[in-house]
């Protein structure tokens, strides 16, 4: 299953992303600044997005 998480760099979001990735889900984390995210598990994709528009994640 493809799962998209907003706030995936925070405490709860990062734990959720890790668990979903370990369960073999496709995980995409939306972030205003994906370059600053550290510690995401392998296979988790961080995507730049703007919460005020669909820019950056509409393709998903």
C-alpha atoms as a PDB file:
ATOM      1  CA  UNK A   1       0.000   0.000   0.000  1.00  0.00           C
ATOM      2  CA  UNK A   2       1.204   3.531  -0.714  1.00  0.00           C
ATOM      3  CA  UNK A   3       1.053   5.756   2.373  1.00  0.00           C
ATOM      4  CA  UNK A   4       1.599   9.524   2.318  1.00  0.00           C
ATOM      5  CA  UNK A   5       2.448  11.182   5.637  1.00  0.00           C
ATOM      6  CA  UNK A   6       2.434  14.888   6.391  1.00  0.00           C
ATOM      7  CA  UNK A   7       4.548  15.749   9.392  1.00  0.00           C
ATOM      8  CA  UNK A   8       6.664  12.681   8.776  1.00  0.00           C
ATOM      9  CA  UNK A   9       9.790  14.279  10.199  1.00  0.00           C
ATOM     10  CA  UNK A  10       8.228  14.792  13.637  1.00  0.00           C
ATOM     11  CA  UNK A  11       8.223  12.356  16.550  1.00  0.00           C
ATOM     12  CA  UNK A  12       4.996  10.542  15.722  1.00  0.00           C
ATOM     13  CA  UNK A  13       5.294  10.818  11.942  1.00  0.00           C
ATOM     14  CA  UNK A  14       8.825   9.427  11.841  1.00  0.00           C
ATOM     15  CA  UNK A  15       7.857   6.488  14.067  1.00  0.00           C
ATOM     16  CA  UNK A  16       4.851   5.815  11.842  1.00  0.00           C
ATOM     17  CA  UNK A  17       7.004   6.023   8.697  1.00  0.00           C
ATOM     18  CA  UNK A  18       9.505   3.561  10.173  1.00  0.00           C
ATOM     19  CA  UNK A  19       6.822   1.071  11.161  1.00  0.00           C
ATOM     20  CA  UNK A  20       5.042   1.250   7.820  1.00  0.00           C
ATOM     21  CA  UNK A  21       8.330   0.859   5.931  1.00  0.00           C
ATOM     22  CA  UNK A  22       9.253  -2.189   8.008  1.00  0.00           C
ATOM     23  CA  UNK A  23       5.849  -3.643   7.098  1.00  0.00           C
ATOM     24  CA  UNK A  24       6.864  -3.255   3.415  1.00  0.00           C
ATOM     25  CA  UNK A  25       4.541  -0.346   2.576  1.00  0.00           C
ATOM     26  CA  UNK A  26       5.579   2.374   0.136  1.00  0.00           C
ATOM     27  CA  UNK A  27       6.000   5.437   2.361  1.00  0.00           C
ATOM     28  CA  UNK A  28       6.187   9.027   1.141  1.00  0.00           C
ATOM     29  CA  UNK A  29       6.857  11.817   3.634  1.00  0.00           C
ATOM     30  CA  UNK A  30       5.733  15.311   2.661  1.00  0.00           C
ATOM     31  CA  UNK A  31       7.914  18.095   4.025  1.00  0.00           C
ATOM     32  CA  UNK A  32       8.498  21.788   3.489  1.00  0.00           C
ATOM     33  CA  UNK A  33      12.224  21.071   3.598  1.00  0.00           C
ATOM     34  CA  UNK A  34      12.958  17.408   2.810  1.00  0.00           C
ATOM     35  CA  UNK A  35      16.713  18.030   2.713  1.00  0.00           C
ATOM     36  CA  UNK A  36      16.655  18.658   6.470  1.00  0.00           C
ATOM     37  CA  UNK A  37      15.041  15.321   7.349  1.00  0.00           C
ATOM     38  CA  UNK A  38      17.422  12.777   8.802  1.00  0.00           C
ATOM     39  CA  UNK A  39      16.957   9.256  10.055  1.00  0.00           C
ATOM     40  CA  UNK A  40      14.283   8.080   7.642  1.00  0.00           C
ATOM     41  CA  UNK A  41      14.548   4.363   6.951  1.00  0.00           C
ATOM     42  CA  UNK A  42      15.684   3.035   3.580  1.00  0.00           C
ATOM     43  CA  UNK A  43      12.970   3.181   0.981  1.00  0.00           C
ATOM     44  CA  UNK A  44      11.072   6.096   2.527  1.00  0.00           C
ATOM     45  CA  UNK A  45      10.839   8.944   0.049  1.00  0.00           C
ATOM     46  CA  UNK A  46      10.822  12.571   1.235  1.00  0.00           C
ATOM     47  CA  UNK A  47       9.054  15.004  -1.108  1.00  0.00           C
ATOM     48  CA  UNK A  48       8.965  18.793  -0.985  1.00  0.00           C
ATOM     49  CA  UNK A  49       5.456  20.207  -0.725  1.00  0.00           C
ATOM     50  CA  UNK A  50       3.580  23.402  -0.051  1.00  0.00           C
ATOM     51  CA  UNK A  51       0.641  22.964   2.326  1.00  0.00           C
ATOM     52  CA  UNK A  52      -1.162  25.880   0.685  1.00  0.00           C
ATOM     53  CA  UNK A  53      -1.339  24.175  -2.693  1.00  0.00           C
ATOM     54  CA  UNK A  54      -1.122  20.745  -4.261  1.00  0.00           C
ATOM     55  CA  UNK A  55       2.362  21.545  -5.530  1.00  0.00           C
ATOM     56  CA  UNK A  56       4.810  18.743  -4.897  1.00  0.00           C
ATOM     57  CA  UNK A  57       2.452  15.905  -4.123  1.00  0.00           C
ATOM     58  CA  UNK A  58      -0.392  16.040  -6.639  1.00  0.00           C
ATOM     59  CA  UNK A  59       1.365  13.350  -8.687  1.00  0.00           C
ATOM     60  CA  UNK A  60       0.798  10.826  -5.916  1.00  0.00           C
END
